[in-house]
N, C-alpha and C. Protein backbone atom coordinates (compact mmCIF):
# COMPACT_ATOMS: atom_id res chain seq x y z
N MET A 1 -91.75 18.70 -50.32
CA MET A 1 -90.41 18.82 -49.85
C MET A 1 -90.39 17.37 -49.28
N SER A 2 -89.37 16.65 -49.50
CA SER A 2 -88.91 15.51 -48.74
C SER A 2 -88.46 15.77 -47.20
N LEU A 3 -88.61 14.66 -46.34
CA LEU A 3 -88.27 15.12 -44.96
C LEU A 3 -86.56 15.06 -45.15
N ARG A 4 -85.92 14.64 -46.08
CA ARG A 4 -84.53 14.60 -46.08
C ARG A 4 -84.08 15.84 -46.44
N VAL A 5 -84.63 16.62 -47.31
CA VAL A 5 -84.53 17.88 -47.73
C VAL A 5 -84.46 18.87 -46.61
N ARG A 6 -85.71 18.78 -45.92
CA ARG A 6 -86.09 19.64 -44.69
C ARG A 6 -85.10 19.43 -43.76
N ILE A 7 -84.61 18.44 -43.51
CA ILE A 7 -83.38 18.31 -42.40
C ILE A 7 -82.25 18.88 -42.94
N PHE A 8 -81.78 18.57 -43.85
CA PHE A 8 -80.77 19.19 -44.58
C PHE A 8 -80.71 20.68 -44.56
N ILE A 9 -81.96 21.52 -44.81
CA ILE A 9 -82.23 22.79 -44.74
C ILE A 9 -81.91 23.34 -43.17
N ILE A 10 -82.70 22.59 -42.25
CA ILE A 10 -82.64 23.04 -40.96
C ILE A 10 -81.37 23.21 -40.65
N VAL A 11 -80.65 21.81 -40.63
CA VAL A 11 -79.18 21.66 -40.35
C VAL A 11 -78.31 22.67 -40.64
N SER A 12 -78.40 22.92 -42.08
CA SER A 12 -77.54 24.02 -42.75
C SER A 12 -77.73 25.31 -42.37
N VAL A 13 -79.25 25.85 -41.83
CA VAL A 13 -79.57 26.85 -41.09
C VAL A 13 -78.90 27.22 -40.00
N VAL A 14 -78.96 26.07 -38.89
CA VAL A 14 -78.14 26.21 -37.61
C VAL A 14 -76.73 26.34 -37.80
N VAL A 15 -76.02 25.57 -38.76
CA VAL A 15 -74.45 25.72 -38.92
C VAL A 15 -74.07 27.15 -39.49
N LEU A 16 -74.88 27.76 -40.13
CA LEU A 16 -74.83 29.07 -40.58
C LEU A 16 -74.80 30.10 -39.50
N LEU A 17 -75.89 29.94 -38.62
CA LEU A 17 -76.19 30.66 -37.64
C LEU A 17 -74.96 30.52 -36.46
N VAL A 18 -74.73 29.42 -36.10
CA VAL A 18 -73.45 29.36 -35.21
C VAL A 18 -72.29 29.88 -35.88
N LEU A 19 -72.15 29.71 -37.12
CA LEU A 19 -70.65 30.25 -37.58
C LEU A 19 -70.76 31.90 -37.84
N SER A 20 -71.88 32.32 -38.03
CA SER A 20 -72.24 33.80 -37.93
C SER A 20 -71.95 34.26 -36.62
N VAL A 21 -72.42 33.71 -35.48
CA VAL A 21 -72.28 34.23 -34.12
C VAL A 21 -70.69 34.30 -33.89
N SER A 22 -70.14 33.21 -34.23
CA SER A 22 -68.93 32.81 -33.78
C SER A 22 -67.77 33.78 -34.61
N ILE A 23 -68.14 34.14 -35.95
CA ILE A 23 -67.21 35.20 -36.46
C ILE A 23 -67.49 36.64 -35.90
N PHE A 24 -68.77 36.83 -35.56
CA PHE A 24 -68.96 38.16 -34.97
C PHE A 24 -68.37 38.33 -33.63
N LEU A 25 -68.42 37.18 -32.85
CA LEU A 25 -67.83 37.46 -31.39
C LEU A 25 -66.10 37.57 -31.62
N ILE A 26 -65.63 36.95 -32.73
CA ILE A 26 -64.16 36.82 -32.82
C ILE A 26 -63.87 38.23 -33.23
N VAL A 27 -64.38 38.82 -34.01
CA VAL A 27 -64.05 40.10 -34.74
C VAL A 27 -64.49 41.15 -33.54
N LYS A 28 -65.61 41.01 -32.68
CA LYS A 28 -65.71 42.23 -31.57
C LYS A 28 -64.65 42.08 -30.61
N ASN A 29 -64.14 40.59 -30.39
CA ASN A 29 -63.08 40.77 -29.34
C ASN A 29 -61.51 41.24 -29.82
N LYS A 30 -61.33 41.30 -31.17
CA LYS A 30 -60.05 41.76 -31.70
C LYS A 30 -60.34 43.32 -31.70
N ASN A 31 -61.56 43.87 -31.95
CA ASN A 31 -61.54 45.36 -32.12
C ASN A 31 -61.63 45.87 -30.51
N LYS A 32 -62.05 44.83 -29.35
CA LYS A 32 -61.98 45.73 -28.01
C LYS A 32 -60.56 45.86 -27.65
N THR A 33 -60.35 47.03 -27.15
CA THR A 33 -59.21 47.54 -26.44
C THR A 33 -59.24 47.47 -24.90
N THR A 34 -58.29 46.98 -24.17
CA THR A 34 -58.28 46.92 -22.79
C THR A 34 -57.74 47.97 -22.21
N ASP A 35 -58.44 48.62 -21.32
CA ASP A 35 -58.23 49.58 -20.56
C ASP A 35 -57.22 49.37 -19.48
N THR A 36 -55.98 49.90 -19.22
CA THR A 36 -55.17 49.97 -18.20
C THR A 36 -55.11 51.18 -17.45
N THR A 37 -55.07 51.18 -16.38
CA THR A 37 -54.63 52.32 -15.50
C THR A 37 -53.39 52.24 -15.20
N THR A 38 -52.47 53.06 -15.43
CA THR A 38 -51.05 53.33 -14.86
C THR A 38 -50.85 54.37 -14.07
N THR A 39 -49.95 54.05 -13.16
CA THR A 39 -49.64 55.12 -12.23
C THR A 39 -48.09 55.62 -12.73
N PRO A 40 -48.01 57.16 -12.69
CA PRO A 40 -46.60 57.38 -13.01
C PRO A 40 -45.29 56.69 -12.49
N GLY A 41 -44.62 56.20 -13.34
CA GLY A 41 -43.34 55.66 -12.74
C GLY A 41 -43.35 53.85 -12.29
N THR A 42 -44.77 53.50 -12.87
CA THR A 42 -44.87 52.00 -12.83
C THR A 42 -45.00 51.22 -13.89
N ASP A 43 -44.81 52.03 -15.13
CA ASP A 43 -44.84 51.09 -16.24
C ASP A 43 -43.46 51.24 -17.10
N THR A 44 -43.01 50.00 -17.71
CA THR A 44 -41.58 49.79 -18.20
C THR A 44 -41.96 49.07 -19.32
N THR A 45 -41.03 49.46 -20.38
CA THR A 45 -41.05 48.65 -21.76
C THR A 45 -39.82 47.92 -21.86
N LEU A 46 -40.22 46.78 -21.84
CA LEU A 46 -39.09 45.57 -21.90
C LEU A 46 -39.04 45.01 -23.23
N PRO A 47 -37.48 44.67 -23.98
CA PRO A 47 -37.55 44.01 -24.92
C PRO A 47 -37.94 42.61 -24.92
N SER A 48 -38.60 41.78 -25.90
CA SER A 48 -39.14 40.67 -25.95
C SER A 48 -38.81 40.07 -27.21
N THR A 49 -38.17 38.87 -27.24
CA THR A 49 -38.14 37.86 -28.44
C THR A 49 -39.13 36.97 -28.66
N SER A 50 -39.65 36.92 -29.69
CA SER A 50 -40.60 35.87 -29.94
C SER A 50 -40.34 35.16 -31.29
N GLY A 51 -40.16 34.09 -31.65
CA GLY A 51 -40.01 33.50 -32.78
C GLY A 51 -39.08 34.18 -33.54
N GLY A 52 -37.90 34.69 -32.90
CA GLY A 52 -37.03 35.19 -33.83
C GLY A 52 -37.26 36.88 -34.20
N THR A 53 -38.37 37.36 -33.90
CA THR A 53 -38.40 38.53 -34.32
C THR A 53 -38.53 39.28 -32.62
N GLN A 54 -38.06 40.52 -32.59
CA GLN A 54 -38.18 41.24 -31.44
C GLN A 54 -39.16 42.51 -31.56
N SER A 55 -39.83 42.54 -30.49
CA SER A 55 -41.12 43.62 -30.10
C SER A 55 -40.87 44.08 -28.64
N ASP A 56 -41.48 45.34 -28.67
CA ASP A 56 -41.56 45.89 -27.36
C ASP A 56 -42.94 45.31 -26.52
N VAL A 57 -42.64 45.14 -25.43
CA VAL A 57 -44.06 44.58 -24.69
C VAL A 57 -43.96 45.63 -23.43
N GLN A 58 -45.44 45.85 -23.29
CA GLN A 58 -45.73 46.91 -22.10
C GLN A 58 -45.61 46.28 -20.75
N VAL A 59 -45.21 46.27 -19.78
CA VAL A 59 -45.10 45.54 -18.64
C VAL A 59 -45.40 46.47 -17.38
N LEU A 60 -46.24 46.08 -16.62
CA LEU A 60 -46.46 46.84 -15.46
C LEU A 60 -45.93 46.36 -14.21
N ILE A 61 -44.73 47.42 -13.71
CA ILE A 61 -44.20 47.03 -12.63
C ILE A 61 -44.36 47.91 -11.40
N ASP A 62 -44.71 47.18 -10.32
CA ASP A 62 -44.92 48.21 -9.24
C ASP A 62 -43.51 48.53 -8.60
N LYS A 63 -43.19 49.46 -8.49
CA LYS A 63 -41.75 49.91 -8.08
C LYS A 63 -41.91 50.36 -6.56
N GLY A 64 -43.11 50.17 -5.89
CA GLY A 64 -43.07 50.37 -4.54
C GLY A 64 -42.91 49.36 -3.67
N LEU A 65 -42.78 48.05 -4.17
CA LEU A 65 -42.22 46.95 -3.55
C LEU A 65 -40.76 46.26 -3.80
N PRO A 66 -40.12 46.72 -2.93
CA PRO A 66 -38.49 45.99 -3.26
C PRO A 66 -38.56 44.68 -3.39
N ALA A 67 -37.63 44.09 -4.16
CA ALA A 67 -37.29 42.62 -4.39
C ALA A 67 -36.30 42.52 -3.22
N LYS A 68 -36.50 41.25 -2.50
CA LYS A 68 -35.84 40.86 -1.36
C LYS A 68 -34.53 40.28 -2.51
N THR A 69 -33.15 40.95 -1.96
CA THR A 69 -32.02 40.45 -2.39
C THR A 69 -31.78 39.28 -1.60
N PRO A 70 -31.32 38.05 -2.02
CA PRO A 70 -30.93 36.99 -1.26
C PRO A 70 -29.50 37.24 -0.62
N THR A 71 -29.29 36.63 0.63
CA THR A 71 -28.01 36.85 1.37
C THR A 71 -26.99 36.06 0.51
N PRO A 72 -25.69 36.26 0.67
CA PRO A 72 -24.70 35.22 0.35
C PRO A 72 -24.94 33.97 0.78
N LEU A 73 -25.28 33.70 1.95
CA LEU A 73 -25.64 32.28 2.58
C LEU A 73 -26.65 31.71 1.81
N GLU A 74 -27.93 32.48 1.58
CA GLU A 74 -28.85 31.83 0.78
C GLU A 74 -28.57 31.46 -0.61
N VAL A 75 -27.74 32.18 -1.28
CA VAL A 75 -27.41 31.83 -2.63
C VAL A 75 -26.46 30.64 -2.47
N GLU A 76 -25.60 30.36 -1.59
CA GLU A 76 -24.63 29.16 -1.40
C GLU A 76 -25.52 27.98 -0.99
N GLN A 77 -26.46 28.35 -0.34
CA GLN A 77 -27.44 26.84 0.21
C GLN A 77 -28.11 26.53 -1.02
N ASN A 78 -28.79 27.53 -1.74
CA ASN A 78 -29.35 27.28 -3.20
C ASN A 78 -28.62 26.57 -4.07
N ALA A 79 -27.36 27.10 -4.16
CA ALA A 79 -26.25 26.34 -5.00
C ALA A 79 -26.12 25.05 -4.65
N VAL A 80 -25.80 24.65 -3.41
CA VAL A 80 -25.78 23.31 -2.89
C VAL A 80 -26.94 22.51 -3.19
N GLU A 81 -28.22 23.10 -3.16
CA GLU A 81 -29.56 22.11 -3.41
C GLU A 81 -29.38 21.86 -5.10
N GLN A 82 -28.89 22.65 -5.75
CA GLN A 82 -29.06 22.69 -7.18
C GLN A 82 -28.14 21.72 -7.55
N LEU A 83 -26.81 21.68 -7.21
CA LEU A 83 -25.74 20.82 -7.42
C LEU A 83 -25.97 19.26 -6.99
N ALA A 84 -26.90 19.12 -6.01
CA ALA A 84 -27.31 17.98 -5.34
C ALA A 84 -28.29 17.23 -6.51
N LYS A 85 -29.18 18.24 -6.84
CA LYS A 85 -30.27 17.83 -7.93
C LYS A 85 -29.61 17.36 -9.18
N ILE A 86 -28.67 18.21 -9.57
CA ILE A 86 -28.09 17.74 -11.00
C ILE A 86 -27.47 16.59 -10.73
N PHE A 87 -26.58 16.25 -9.50
CA PHE A 87 -26.11 15.02 -9.39
C PHE A 87 -26.96 13.96 -9.47
N VAL A 88 -28.21 13.94 -8.72
CA VAL A 88 -28.98 12.83 -8.80
C VAL A 88 -29.60 12.62 -10.03
N GLU A 89 -29.96 13.75 -10.60
CA GLU A 89 -30.60 13.29 -12.19
C GLU A 89 -29.62 12.66 -13.13
N ARG A 90 -28.41 13.14 -13.13
CA ARG A 90 -27.29 12.57 -13.91
C ARG A 90 -26.77 11.30 -13.50
N TYR A 91 -26.69 10.95 -12.27
CA TYR A 91 -26.39 9.78 -11.88
C TYR A 91 -27.43 8.76 -11.99
N GLY A 92 -28.50 9.28 -11.60
CA GLY A 92 -29.67 8.21 -11.32
C GLY A 92 -30.54 7.79 -13.00
N THR A 93 -29.91 8.77 -13.80
CA THR A 93 -30.57 8.47 -15.16
C THR A 93 -29.38 7.76 -16.30
N TYR A 94 -29.62 6.45 -16.30
CA TYR A 94 -28.77 5.74 -17.30
C TYR A 94 -29.81 4.74 -18.23
N SER A 95 -28.73 4.31 -19.21
CA SER A 95 -29.25 3.38 -20.05
C SER A 95 -28.36 2.32 -20.55
N THR A 96 -28.73 1.14 -20.90
CA THR A 96 -27.87 0.25 -21.49
C THR A 96 -27.08 0.57 -22.85
N ASP A 97 -27.75 1.39 -23.45
CA ASP A 97 -27.29 2.13 -24.69
C ASP A 97 -26.22 3.01 -24.70
N ASN A 98 -25.73 3.43 -23.36
CA ASN A 98 -24.80 4.68 -23.13
C ASN A 98 -23.68 4.31 -22.63
N GLU A 99 -23.33 3.00 -22.17
CA GLU A 99 -22.15 2.69 -21.62
C GLU A 99 -21.46 3.47 -20.49
N PHE A 100 -22.35 3.65 -19.39
CA PHE A 100 -21.96 4.25 -18.25
C PHE A 100 -21.58 5.91 -18.53
N GLN A 101 -22.27 6.22 -19.18
CA GLN A 101 -22.19 7.88 -19.65
C GLN A 101 -22.96 8.67 -18.42
N ASN A 102 -23.77 8.09 -17.65
CA ASN A 102 -24.35 9.18 -16.38
C ASN A 102 -23.33 9.16 -15.42
N ILE A 103 -22.34 8.07 -15.23
CA ILE A 103 -21.17 7.98 -14.16
C ILE A 103 -20.07 9.03 -14.91
N LYS A 104 -19.74 8.85 -16.06
CA LYS A 104 -18.85 9.67 -16.67
C LYS A 104 -19.17 11.14 -16.32
N GLU A 105 -20.55 11.49 -16.60
CA GLU A 105 -20.69 13.00 -16.52
C GLU A 105 -20.88 13.33 -15.08
N SER A 106 -21.02 12.40 -13.99
CA SER A 106 -21.00 12.83 -12.72
C SER A 106 -19.89 13.06 -12.18
N GLN A 107 -18.51 12.85 -12.68
CA GLN A 107 -17.23 12.89 -12.16
C GLN A 107 -16.97 14.22 -11.55
N THR A 108 -17.25 15.24 -12.15
CA THR A 108 -16.92 16.57 -11.88
C THR A 108 -18.01 17.27 -10.53
N LEU A 109 -19.00 16.43 -10.29
CA LEU A 109 -19.80 16.79 -9.22
C LEU A 109 -19.43 16.16 -7.97
N VAL A 110 -18.46 15.16 -7.91
CA VAL A 110 -18.36 14.37 -6.71
C VAL A 110 -16.95 14.32 -6.21
N THR A 111 -16.73 13.94 -4.83
CA THR A 111 -15.45 14.03 -4.07
C THR A 111 -14.83 12.72 -4.86
N LYS A 112 -13.34 12.65 -4.64
CA LYS A 112 -12.59 11.73 -5.18
C LYS A 112 -12.95 10.34 -4.44
N SER A 113 -13.32 10.62 -3.14
CA SER A 113 -13.92 9.04 -2.54
C SER A 113 -14.97 8.65 -3.31
N LEU A 114 -16.05 9.60 -3.41
CA LEU A 114 -17.37 9.06 -4.04
C LEU A 114 -17.05 8.50 -5.31
N TRP A 115 -16.19 9.21 -6.29
CA TRP A 115 -15.87 8.74 -7.68
C TRP A 115 -15.17 7.21 -7.58
N SER A 116 -14.30 6.97 -6.54
CA SER A 116 -13.69 5.72 -6.58
C SER A 116 -14.83 4.55 -6.24
N ARG A 117 -15.96 4.95 -5.64
CA ARG A 117 -17.01 3.95 -5.41
C ARG A 117 -17.61 3.92 -6.74
N ILE A 118 -18.20 4.81 -7.32
CA ILE A 118 -19.15 4.87 -8.41
C ILE A 118 -18.64 4.42 -9.57
N SER A 119 -17.45 4.38 -9.77
CA SER A 119 -16.50 4.38 -11.12
C SER A 119 -16.26 3.13 -11.09
N VAL A 120 -16.23 2.00 -10.25
CA VAL A 120 -15.71 0.93 -10.42
C VAL A 120 -16.16 0.23 -11.44
N GLY A 121 -17.24 0.04 -11.97
CA GLY A 121 -17.88 -0.71 -13.10
C GLY A 121 -17.75 -0.43 -14.33
N ILE A 122 -17.10 1.03 -14.54
CA ILE A 122 -17.14 1.62 -15.85
C ILE A 122 -16.62 0.80 -16.78
N ASN A 123 -15.40 0.18 -16.68
CA ASN A 123 -14.61 -0.59 -17.51
C ASN A 123 -15.45 -2.01 -18.07
N ALA A 124 -16.41 -2.36 -17.16
CA ALA A 124 -16.69 -3.67 -17.24
C ALA A 124 -17.72 -3.81 -18.59
N LYS A 125 -17.92 -4.75 -19.31
CA LYS A 125 -18.70 -4.73 -20.42
C LYS A 125 -19.99 -5.55 -20.00
N SER A 126 -21.07 -4.79 -20.59
CA SER A 126 -22.48 -5.37 -20.31
C SER A 126 -22.86 -6.64 -21.01
N THR A 127 -23.22 -7.49 -20.13
CA THR A 127 -23.63 -8.73 -20.80
C THR A 127 -25.04 -8.94 -21.20
N SER A 128 -25.91 -8.01 -20.71
CA SER A 128 -27.13 -7.93 -21.12
C SER A 128 -27.42 -7.50 -22.43
N GLN A 129 -28.32 -8.16 -23.10
CA GLN A 129 -28.63 -7.43 -24.65
C GLN A 129 -29.82 -6.97 -24.56
N ASP A 130 -30.65 -7.09 -23.34
CA ASP A 130 -32.28 -6.39 -23.29
C ASP A 130 -31.76 -5.13 -22.98
N PHE A 131 -32.50 -4.01 -23.62
CA PHE A 131 -32.63 -2.67 -23.18
C PHE A 131 -32.97 -2.54 -21.92
N LEU A 132 -32.57 -1.58 -21.09
CA LEU A 132 -32.67 -1.00 -19.89
C LEU A 132 -32.66 0.44 -19.76
N GLY A 133 -33.51 1.18 -19.48
CA GLY A 133 -33.14 2.74 -19.13
C GLY A 133 -34.00 3.20 -18.15
N LEU A 134 -33.19 4.22 -17.32
CA LEU A 134 -33.74 4.61 -16.13
C LEU A 134 -33.70 5.97 -16.44
N THR A 135 -34.94 6.85 -16.17
CA THR A 135 -34.72 8.29 -16.17
C THR A 135 -35.08 8.73 -14.84
N THR A 136 -34.43 9.68 -14.21
CA THR A 136 -34.64 10.16 -12.87
C THR A 136 -35.02 11.54 -13.10
N LYS A 137 -36.07 11.89 -12.38
CA LYS A 137 -36.39 13.49 -12.54
C LYS A 137 -36.48 13.83 -10.94
N VAL A 138 -35.99 14.83 -10.60
CA VAL A 138 -36.33 15.47 -9.08
C VAL A 138 -37.26 16.27 -9.13
N MET A 139 -38.27 15.84 -8.19
CA MET A 139 -39.37 16.62 -7.90
C MET A 139 -39.29 17.60 -6.86
N SER A 140 -38.44 17.57 -5.92
CA SER A 140 -38.33 18.46 -4.96
C SER A 140 -36.91 18.26 -4.13
N THR A 141 -36.45 19.27 -3.49
CA THR A 141 -35.24 19.26 -2.62
C THR A 141 -35.67 19.94 -1.27
N ARG A 142 -34.67 19.23 -0.31
CA ARG A 142 -34.90 20.11 1.05
C ARG A 142 -33.57 20.07 1.62
N LEU A 143 -33.05 21.03 1.96
CA LEU A 143 -31.75 21.25 2.92
C LEU A 143 -32.07 20.81 4.13
N ALA A 144 -31.58 19.53 4.49
CA ALA A 144 -32.05 19.05 5.82
C ALA A 144 -30.86 19.22 7.07
N ILE A 145 -29.55 19.32 6.68
CA ILE A 145 -28.59 19.84 7.30
C ILE A 145 -27.69 20.88 6.64
N TRP A 146 -27.23 21.86 7.33
CA TRP A 146 -26.28 22.97 6.84
C TRP A 146 -25.26 23.20 7.81
N GLU A 147 -23.87 23.03 7.48
CA GLU A 147 -22.81 23.46 8.29
C GLU A 147 -21.71 24.27 7.40
N ASP A 148 -20.90 24.58 8.14
CA ASP A 148 -19.93 25.51 6.90
C ASP A 148 -19.39 24.68 5.85
N ALA A 149 -18.94 23.57 6.20
CA ALA A 149 -18.42 22.73 5.09
C ALA A 149 -19.08 21.45 4.86
N ARG A 150 -20.37 21.17 5.17
CA ARG A 150 -21.22 19.96 5.08
C ARG A 150 -22.77 20.31 4.90
N ALA A 151 -23.08 19.67 4.01
CA ALA A 151 -24.68 19.58 3.91
C ALA A 151 -25.31 18.14 3.60
N THR A 152 -26.33 18.27 4.01
CA THR A 152 -27.39 17.13 3.65
C THR A 152 -28.65 17.60 2.64
N VAL A 153 -28.73 17.00 1.57
CA VAL A 153 -30.07 17.51 0.89
C VAL A 153 -30.90 16.44 0.76
N GLU A 154 -32.20 16.31 1.00
CA GLU A 154 -33.03 15.33 0.90
C GLU A 154 -33.86 15.71 -0.32
N ILE A 155 -33.90 14.52 -1.15
CA ILE A 155 -34.35 14.51 -2.57
C ILE A 155 -35.58 13.59 -2.81
N LYS A 156 -36.64 14.17 -3.47
CA LYS A 156 -37.67 13.39 -3.54
C LYS A 156 -37.67 13.40 -5.41
N THR A 157 -37.68 11.95 -5.80
CA THR A 157 -37.44 11.67 -7.22
C THR A 157 -38.77 10.93 -7.77
N MET A 158 -38.80 11.04 -9.13
CA MET A 158 -39.61 9.85 -9.85
C MET A 158 -38.60 9.47 -10.70
N ARG A 159 -38.68 8.20 -10.65
CA ARG A 159 -37.93 7.39 -11.78
C ARG A 159 -38.93 6.38 -12.64
N THR A 160 -38.56 6.75 -13.89
CA THR A 160 -39.30 6.00 -14.72
C THR A 160 -38.22 4.82 -15.50
N GLU A 161 -38.73 3.62 -15.31
CA GLU A 161 -37.92 2.57 -15.83
C GLU A 161 -38.42 1.77 -17.33
N ASP A 162 -37.46 1.73 -18.25
CA ASP A 162 -38.10 1.13 -19.25
C ASP A 162 -37.25 -0.17 -19.53
N LYS A 163 -37.71 -1.29 -19.29
CA LYS A 163 -37.08 -2.62 -19.48
C LYS A 163 -37.76 -3.30 -20.40
N GLY A 164 -36.72 -3.46 -21.32
CA GLY A 164 -37.50 -4.34 -22.63
C GLY A 164 -38.76 -3.92 -23.22
N GLY A 165 -39.00 -2.59 -22.96
CA GLY A 165 -40.43 -2.04 -23.60
C GLY A 165 -41.57 -2.15 -22.58
N VAL A 166 -41.25 -2.62 -21.25
CA VAL A 166 -42.41 -2.35 -20.40
C VAL A 166 -41.88 -1.25 -19.50
N VAL A 167 -42.53 -0.18 -19.25
CA VAL A 167 -42.25 1.09 -18.62
C VAL A 167 -43.15 1.11 -17.23
N SER A 168 -42.38 1.34 -16.19
CA SER A 168 -42.96 1.60 -14.99
C SER A 168 -42.23 2.61 -14.25
N THR A 169 -43.19 3.30 -13.42
CA THR A 169 -42.72 4.47 -12.61
C THR A 169 -42.81 4.35 -11.18
N ARG A 170 -41.81 5.05 -10.46
CA ARG A 170 -41.74 4.79 -8.74
C ARG A 170 -41.06 6.13 -8.43
N TYR A 171 -41.59 6.42 -7.49
CA TYR A 171 -41.08 7.45 -6.46
C TYR A 171 -40.09 7.04 -5.43
N GLN A 172 -38.98 7.56 -5.53
CA GLN A 172 -38.03 7.21 -4.60
C GLN A 172 -37.19 8.38 -3.89
N ASN A 173 -36.87 8.33 -2.70
CA ASN A 173 -36.10 9.52 -1.97
C ASN A 173 -34.91 9.16 -1.95
N ALA A 174 -34.09 10.27 -1.81
CA ALA A 174 -32.61 10.06 -1.98
C ALA A 174 -31.95 10.92 -0.74
N ALA A 175 -30.93 10.84 -0.21
CA ALA A 175 -30.09 11.77 0.71
C ALA A 175 -28.68 11.87 0.03
N VAL A 176 -28.58 13.14 -0.18
CA VAL A 176 -27.03 13.44 -0.86
C VAL A 176 -26.24 14.19 0.13
N GLY A 177 -25.08 13.58 0.62
CA GLY A 177 -24.16 14.36 1.44
C GLY A 177 -23.27 15.33 0.69
N MET A 178 -23.42 16.38 1.04
CA MET A 178 -22.43 17.35 0.10
C MET A 178 -21.30 17.94 1.23
N VAL A 179 -20.10 17.89 0.58
CA VAL A 179 -19.08 18.57 1.14
C VAL A 179 -18.25 19.66 0.58
N LYS A 180 -17.76 20.73 1.32
CA LYS A 180 -17.05 21.74 0.63
C LYS A 180 -15.44 21.33 0.73
N GLU A 181 -14.74 21.25 -0.50
CA GLU A 181 -13.49 20.85 -0.74
C GLU A 181 -12.80 22.16 -1.55
N ASP A 182 -12.00 22.84 -0.76
CA ASP A 182 -11.35 23.78 -1.64
C ASP A 182 -12.10 24.95 -2.21
N GLY A 183 -13.20 25.12 -1.22
CA GLY A 183 -14.20 26.11 -1.70
C GLY A 183 -15.09 25.53 -2.73
N VAL A 184 -14.92 24.32 -2.97
CA VAL A 184 -15.86 23.92 -4.09
C VAL A 184 -17.06 22.76 -3.46
N TRP A 185 -18.48 22.96 -3.59
CA TRP A 185 -19.29 21.85 -3.05
C TRP A 185 -19.19 20.74 -4.08
N LEU A 186 -19.36 19.53 -3.34
CA LEU A 186 -19.11 18.50 -4.14
C LEU A 186 -20.28 17.29 -3.51
N ALA A 187 -20.50 16.29 -4.02
CA ALA A 187 -21.44 15.10 -3.70
C ALA A 187 -20.48 14.12 -3.11
N ASN A 188 -20.70 13.81 -1.87
CA ASN A 188 -19.67 12.83 -1.05
C ASN A 188 -20.33 11.66 -0.71
N THR A 189 -21.71 11.52 -0.61
CA THR A 189 -22.56 10.34 -0.46
C THR A 189 -23.92 10.26 -0.95
N LEU A 190 -24.48 9.33 -1.58
CA LEU A 190 -25.55 9.17 -1.94
C LEU A 190 -26.30 7.91 -1.53
N VAL A 191 -27.55 7.91 -0.75
CA VAL A 191 -28.24 7.06 -0.17
C VAL A 191 -29.60 6.98 -0.73
N TRP A 192 -30.08 5.77 -1.52
CA TRP A 192 -31.26 5.75 -1.89
C TRP A 192 -32.38 5.49 -0.88
N ASN A 193 -33.51 5.74 -0.42
CA ASN A 193 -34.42 5.23 0.31
C ASN A 193 -35.60 4.49 -0.42
């Protein structure tokens, strides 16, 4: 037998051995059942949808630990942070292809005074032929000041700029001043740091 034939046989045997062990382990793991210990009153069956089909999933829920219900103040503070986040992402994300769509979509989130400042250039035509796109993603928010009708939300963002095919990323902080007008929270100021 030539050396080439012997090497081929050895490699084939090793491959078959690895394949056999892999198949054995896969079959063994499929047949293995997991034992779960359930305490009366702790298991709940929840409907689950996956890929358009509905199946029942067994979920263990410890009913001995009560969930903390947020207070109305906590709900309102969270809503203010979320509104500030949405405003910064919409206003801070723009493209030369979208003709100030980011500003138009921000109108319902801002006060009339802020709208008058940010909407000034909407009717101006862009003279730049080069593509410029800026995507703003909020990384974190923090409620820095909270009063009955005024709040300041500090926001950390990641901004990705595509300028003529050259992509760069920078991290930038912002402070959004929020005010409550007629029971509705709106962005009143935006300061990029």
